[in-house]
N, C-alpha and C. Protein backbone atom coordinates (compact mmCIF):
# COMPACT_ATOMS: atom_id res chain seq x y z
N UNK A 1 10.58 -25.30 -33.50
CA UNK A 1 11.12 -24.08 -33.34
C UNK A 1 10.72 -23.99 -32.18
N UNK A 2 9.74 -24.68 -31.26
CA UNK A 2 9.73 -24.65 -29.81
C UNK A 2 10.99 -24.86 -29.03
N UNK A 3 11.78 -25.87 -29.42
CA UNK A 3 12.91 -26.45 -29.02
C UNK A 3 14.10 -25.39 -29.17
N UNK A 4 14.43 -24.68 -30.63
CA UNK A 4 15.15 -24.09 -30.60
C UNK A 4 14.91 -23.03 -29.88
N UNK A 5 13.75 -22.42 -29.57
CA UNK A 5 13.28 -21.25 -28.68
C UNK A 5 13.74 -21.97 -27.17
N UNK A 6 13.53 -22.85 -26.65
CA UNK A 6 13.85 -23.10 -25.53
C UNK A 6 15.23 -23.68 -25.32
N UNK A 7 15.73 -24.17 -26.26
CA UNK A 7 17.48 -24.10 -26.00
C UNK A 7 18.32 -22.75 -26.08
N UNK A 8 17.76 -21.66 -26.70
CA UNK A 8 17.83 -20.53 -26.60
C UNK A 8 17.93 -19.52 -25.43
N UNK A 9 16.51 -19.99 -24.61
CA UNK A 9 15.99 -19.16 -23.68
C UNK A 9 17.17 -19.09 -22.53
N UNK A 10 17.53 -17.85 -22.32
CA UNK A 10 18.20 -17.68 -20.98
C UNK A 10 17.86 -17.93 -19.68
N UNK A 11 16.38 -18.20 -19.70
CA UNK A 11 16.19 -18.13 -18.03
C UNK A 11 16.23 -19.78 -17.59
N UNK A 12 16.34 -20.64 -18.78
CA UNK A 12 17.06 -22.23 -18.43
C UNK A 12 18.30 -22.00 -17.81
N UNK A 13 18.74 -21.19 -18.25
CA UNK A 13 20.37 -21.72 -17.65
C UNK A 13 20.60 -21.03 -16.51
N UNK A 14 19.38 -19.91 -16.43
CA UNK A 14 19.52 -19.37 -14.99
C UNK A 14 19.07 -20.28 -13.78
N UNK A 15 18.27 -20.90 -14.47
CA UNK A 15 17.20 -21.68 -13.18
C UNK A 15 18.38 -22.93 -12.81
N UNK A 16 19.34 -23.37 -13.79
CA UNK A 16 20.15 -24.45 -13.78
C UNK A 16 21.26 -23.93 -12.76
N UNK A 17 22.01 -22.40 -13.27
CA UNK A 17 22.96 -22.02 -12.52
C UNK A 17 22.32 -21.66 -10.64
N UNK A 18 21.26 -21.32 -10.44
CA UNK A 18 21.10 -20.75 -9.36
C UNK A 18 20.07 -21.65 -8.63
N UNK A 19 19.06 -22.44 -9.20
CA UNK A 19 18.15 -23.31 -8.38
C UNK A 19 18.74 -24.76 -8.35
N UNK A 20 19.61 -25.60 -9.22
CA UNK A 20 19.64 -26.78 -9.15
C UNK A 20 20.89 -26.73 -8.01
N UNK A 21 21.82 -26.14 -7.85
CA UNK A 21 22.78 -26.21 -7.07
C UNK A 21 22.52 -26.30 -5.55
N UNK A 22 21.53 -25.57 -4.99
CA UNK A 22 20.94 -25.86 -4.02
C UNK A 22 20.57 -27.18 -3.15
N UNK A 23 20.29 -28.00 -4.01
CA UNK A 23 20.32 -29.39 -4.07
C UNK A 23 21.23 -30.38 -4.45
N UNK A 24 22.45 -29.96 -3.88
CA UNK A 24 23.25 -30.54 -4.57
C UNK A 24 24.35 -30.88 -3.25
N UNK A 25 24.59 -32.08 -3.05
CA UNK A 25 25.43 -32.08 -1.66
C UNK A 25 26.83 -33.10 -2.03
N UNK A 26 27.69 -31.94 -1.63
CA UNK A 26 29.23 -32.76 -2.19
C UNK A 26 29.63 -33.83 -1.60
N UNK A 27 28.76 -33.79 -0.20
CA UNK A 27 29.14 -35.49 0.73
C UNK A 27 28.57 -36.34 -0.09
N UNK A 28 27.94 -36.67 -1.22
CA UNK A 28 27.18 -37.42 -1.66
C UNK A 28 27.71 -38.13 -2.74
N UNK A 29 28.62 -37.31 -3.00
CA UNK A 29 29.10 -38.17 -4.67
C UNK A 29 29.77 -37.08 -5.46
N UNK A 30 29.90 -37.46 -6.32
CA UNK A 30 30.57 -36.15 -7.59
C UNK A 30 29.61 -35.03 -7.87
N UNK A 31 30.04 -33.96 -7.68
CA UNK A 31 28.89 -32.59 -8.07
C UNK A 31 28.71 -32.32 -9.62
N UNK A 32 29.28 -32.90 -10.26
CA UNK A 32 28.85 -32.78 -11.81
C UNK A 32 27.76 -34.01 -12.23
N UNK A 33 28.40 -35.40 -11.47
CA UNK A 33 27.15 -36.17 -11.37
C UNK A 33 25.71 -35.89 -10.95
N UNK A 34 25.82 -35.26 -10.03
CA UNK A 34 24.38 -34.60 -9.48
C UNK A 34 23.66 -33.46 -10.16
N UNK A 35 24.37 -32.75 -10.63
CA UNK A 35 24.02 -31.38 -11.43
C UNK A 35 23.20 -32.41 -12.62
N UNK A 36 24.31 -33.51 -13.56
CA UNK A 36 23.43 -34.06 -14.58
C UNK A 36 22.42 -34.84 -14.25
N UNK A 37 22.38 -35.11 -13.61
CA UNK A 37 21.17 -36.06 -13.05
C UNK A 37 20.03 -35.20 -12.67
N UNK A 38 20.22 -33.92 -11.87
CA UNK A 38 18.83 -33.07 -11.62
C UNK A 38 18.47 -32.45 -12.74
N UNK A 39 19.51 -32.17 -13.66
CA UNK A 39 19.22 -31.61 -15.23
C UNK A 39 18.34 -32.47 -16.03
N UNK A 40 18.75 -33.95 -16.00
CA UNK A 40 18.21 -34.65 -16.62
C UNK A 40 16.77 -34.83 -16.36
N UNK A 41 16.41 -35.20 -15.07
CA UNK A 41 15.44 -35.26 -14.54
C UNK A 41 14.35 -34.05 -14.66
N UNK A 42 14.41 -32.90 -14.53
CA UNK A 42 13.91 -31.97 -14.96
C UNK A 42 13.72 -31.72 -16.69
N UNK A 43 14.50 -32.35 -17.38
CA UNK A 43 14.56 -32.45 -19.09
C UNK A 43 13.15 -33.40 -19.25
N UNK A 44 13.39 -34.30 -18.42
CA UNK A 44 12.34 -35.58 -18.61
C UNK A 44 11.32 -35.34 -18.23
N UNK A 45 10.73 -34.88 -17.12
CA UNK A 45 9.42 -34.43 -16.74
C UNK A 45 9.07 -33.32 -17.59
N UNK A 46 10.06 -32.34 -18.30
CA UNK A 46 9.45 -31.16 -18.91
C UNK A 46 8.99 -31.70 -20.33
N UNK A 47 9.81 -32.59 -20.93
CA UNK A 47 9.48 -33.31 -21.90
C UNK A 47 7.93 -34.62 -22.20
N UNK A 48 7.84 -34.91 -20.70
CA UNK A 48 6.67 -35.68 -20.65
C UNK A 48 5.45 -34.74 -20.63
N UNK A 49 5.67 -33.79 -19.68
CA UNK A 49 4.15 -32.96 -19.27
C UNK A 49 3.91 -32.28 -21.02
N UNK A 50 5.02 -31.62 -21.53
CA UNK A 50 4.81 -31.22 -22.89
C UNK A 50 4.35 -32.05 -24.10
N UNK A 51 4.81 -33.26 -24.00
CA UNK A 51 4.16 -34.35 -24.50
C UNK A 51 2.48 -34.83 -24.45
N UNK A 52 2.44 -34.53 -23.39
CA UNK A 52 1.08 -34.85 -23.00
C UNK A 52 -0.02 -33.75 -23.07
N UNK A 53 0.53 -32.36 -23.21
CA UNK A 53 -0.30 -31.25 -23.70
C UNK A 53 -0.23 -31.60 -25.27
N UNK A 54 0.71 -32.00 -26.27
CA UNK A 54 0.71 -31.87 -27.35
C UNK A 54 -0.42 -32.86 -27.58
N UNK A 55 -0.17 -34.04 -27.19
CA UNK A 55 -1.12 -35.08 -27.56
C UNK A 55 -2.73 -34.73 -27.10
N UNK A 56 -3.38 -33.74 -25.94
CA UNK A 56 -4.33 -33.96 -25.43
C UNK A 56 -4.61 -32.29 -26.71
N UNK A 57 -3.81 -31.52 -26.75
CA UNK A 57 -4.10 -30.60 -27.87
C UNK A 57 -4.84 -31.21 -29.25
N UNK A 58 -4.05 -32.24 -30.03
CA UNK A 58 -4.15 -32.88 -30.69
C UNK A 58 -5.60 -33.41 -30.80
N UNK A 59 -5.71 -34.09 -29.70
CA UNK A 59 -7.11 -34.46 -29.35
C UNK A 59 -8.25 -33.67 -29.28
N UNK A 60 -8.21 -32.66 -28.71
CA UNK A 60 -9.36 -31.65 -28.76
C UNK A 60 -9.38 -31.13 -30.02
N UNK A 61 -8.19 -31.00 -30.83
CA UNK A 61 -8.17 -30.22 -31.90
C UNK A 61 -9.20 -31.19 -33.02
N UNK A 62 -8.78 -32.48 -33.08
CA UNK A 62 -9.70 -33.39 -34.08
C UNK A 62 -11.16 -33.29 -33.59
N UNK A 63 -11.20 -33.40 -32.25
CA UNK A 63 -12.90 -33.35 -31.59
C UNK A 63 -13.64 -32.39 -32.38
N UNK A 64 -12.81 -31.17 -32.33
CA UNK A 64 -13.69 -29.83 -32.69
C UNK A 64 -13.71 -29.92 -34.06
N UNK A 65 -12.71 -30.28 -34.98
CA UNK A 65 -12.61 -30.38 -36.09
C UNK A 65 -13.82 -31.29 -37.04
N UNK A 66 -14.13 -32.25 -36.27
CA UNK A 66 -15.25 -33.30 -36.52
C UNK A 66 -16.43 -32.67 -36.10
N UNK A 67 -16.55 -31.77 -35.19
CA UNK A 67 -17.96 -31.05 -34.67
C UNK A 67 -17.88 -29.69 -34.59
N UNK A 68 -18.25 -29.20 -35.54
CA UNK A 68 -18.09 -27.74 -36.18
C UNK A 68 -19.10 -26.77 -34.70
N UNK A 69 -20.04 -27.56 -34.46
CA UNK A 69 -21.11 -26.86 -33.85
C UNK A 69 -20.30 -26.60 -32.07
N UNK A 70 -19.40 -27.71 -31.60
CA UNK A 70 -18.69 -27.89 -30.47
C UNK A 70 -17.83 -26.41 -30.67
N UNK A 71 -17.02 -26.23 -31.90
CA UNK A 71 -15.95 -24.90 -32.35
C UNK A 71 -16.51 -23.55 -31.84
N UNK A 72 -17.62 -23.79 -32.73
CA UNK A 72 -18.53 -22.35 -32.97
C UNK A 72 -18.82 -22.06 -30.59
N UNK A 73 -19.53 -23.27 -30.23
CA UNK A 73 -19.93 -23.05 -29.00
C UNK A 73 -18.80 -22.74 -27.99
N UNK A 74 -17.55 -23.25 -28.51
CA UNK A 74 -16.23 -22.56 -27.20
C UNK A 74 -16.14 -21.43 -27.71
N UNK A 75 -15.83 -21.17 -29.04
CA UNK A 75 -15.79 -19.77 -29.34
C UNK A 75 -16.49 -18.43 -28.70
N UNK A 76 -17.82 -18.83 -28.62
CA UNK A 76 -18.56 -18.16 -27.79
C UNK A 76 -18.52 -17.98 -26.53
N UNK A 77 -18.23 -19.25 -25.85
CA UNK A 77 -18.05 -19.07 -24.31
C UNK A 77 -16.80 -18.58 -23.90
N UNK A 78 -15.98 -18.78 -24.59
CA UNK A 78 -14.56 -17.81 -24.20
C UNK A 78 -15.08 -16.63 -24.66
N UNK A 79 -15.44 -15.94 -25.35
CA UNK A 79 -15.50 -14.91 -25.97
C UNK A 79 -16.14 -13.99 -24.88
N UNK A 80 -17.41 -14.63 -24.41
CA UNK A 80 -18.12 -14.30 -23.25
C UNK A 80 -17.51 -14.11 -21.86
N UNK A 81 -16.63 -15.18 -21.55
CA UNK A 81 -15.90 -15.15 -20.44
C UNK A 81 -14.67 -13.86 -20.58
N UNK A 82 -14.05 -13.48 -21.82
CA UNK A 82 -13.15 -12.67 -21.78
C UNK A 82 -14.05 -11.27 -21.58
N UNK A 83 -14.92 -11.28 -22.42
CA UNK A 83 -15.90 -9.80 -22.19
C UNK A 83 -16.13 -9.48 -20.62
N UNK A 84 -16.50 -10.79 -19.85
CA UNK A 84 -16.62 -10.84 -18.54
C UNK A 84 -15.73 -9.84 -17.74
N UNK A 85 -14.21 -10.70 -18.31
CA UNK A 85 -13.23 -10.40 -17.45
C UNK A 85 -12.73 -8.96 -17.79
N UNK A 86 -12.83 -8.42 -18.85
CA UNK A 86 -12.72 -7.22 -19.13
C UNK A 86 -13.61 -6.53 -18.69
N UNK A 87 -14.66 -6.43 -18.84
CA UNK A 87 -15.61 -5.39 -18.04
C UNK A 87 -15.32 -5.47 -15.91
N UNK A 88 -14.78 -6.51 -15.50
CA UNK A 88 -14.73 -6.67 -14.23
C UNK A 88 -13.14 -5.90 -13.79
N UNK A 89 -12.53 -5.81 -15.13
CA UNK A 89 -11.15 -4.94 -14.82
C UNK A 89 -11.50 -3.51 -14.45
N UNK A 90 -12.36 -3.50 -15.70
CA UNK A 90 -12.80 -2.14 -16.12
C UNK A 90 -13.42 -1.50 -14.62
N UNK A 91 -14.27 -2.32 -14.39
CA UNK A 91 -15.07 -1.91 -13.04
C UNK A 91 -14.42 -1.83 -11.95
N UNK A 92 -13.28 -2.50 -11.80
CA UNK A 92 -11.99 -2.11 -10.88
C UNK A 92 -11.27 -1.08 -11.06
N UNK A 93 -11.03 -0.90 -12.00
CA UNK A 93 -10.26 0.35 -12.30
C UNK A 93 -10.98 1.24 -11.99
N UNK A 94 -12.17 1.72 -12.38
CA UNK A 94 -13.01 2.65 -12.09
C UNK A 94 -13.14 3.11 -10.36
N UNK A 95 -13.21 1.77 -9.84
CA UNK A 95 -13.61 2.08 -8.17
C UNK A 95 -12.61 2.48 -7.61
N UNK A 96 -11.12 1.83 -8.11
CA UNK A 96 -9.73 2.49 -7.65
C UNK A 96 -9.60 4.13 -7.88
N UNK A 97 -10.03 4.25 -8.97
CA UNK A 97 -10.06 5.93 -9.40
C UNK A 97 -10.77 6.92 -8.59
N UNK A 98 -12.17 6.14 -8.66
CA UNK A 98 -13.22 6.84 -7.49
C UNK A 98 -12.91 6.92 -5.95
N UNK A 99 -11.72 5.92 -5.45
CA UNK A 99 -11.55 5.55 -4.06
C UNK A 99 -10.64 6.73 -3.93
N UNK A 100 -9.39 7.37 -4.99
CA UNK A 100 -8.40 8.14 -4.58
C UNK A 100 -8.96 9.44 -4.47
N UNK A 101 -8.19 9.67 -3.25
CA UNK A 101 -8.68 11.02 -2.84
C UNK A 101 -8.21 12.35 -3.64
């Protein structure tokens, strides 16, 4: 599903059309070959990084599945972090409203 989503994502096409041509030098050979090599380089790096993320997420998931206490601790820690961020955002907004003349 992620592959289909990325293939149909117009942002990637915009990246290839707008960013990659800046790195192509017609004096160094065929423009199409340079474009293809740059595109394949980006795709291979993206696949490698995404693959590492999947493997790491799988390892973390297996770790948390075997140790339910860690999953509970993680839930409380993340809940506390999110609650703290919410309080900070609310406090920043109240200061901004109070400072407005």
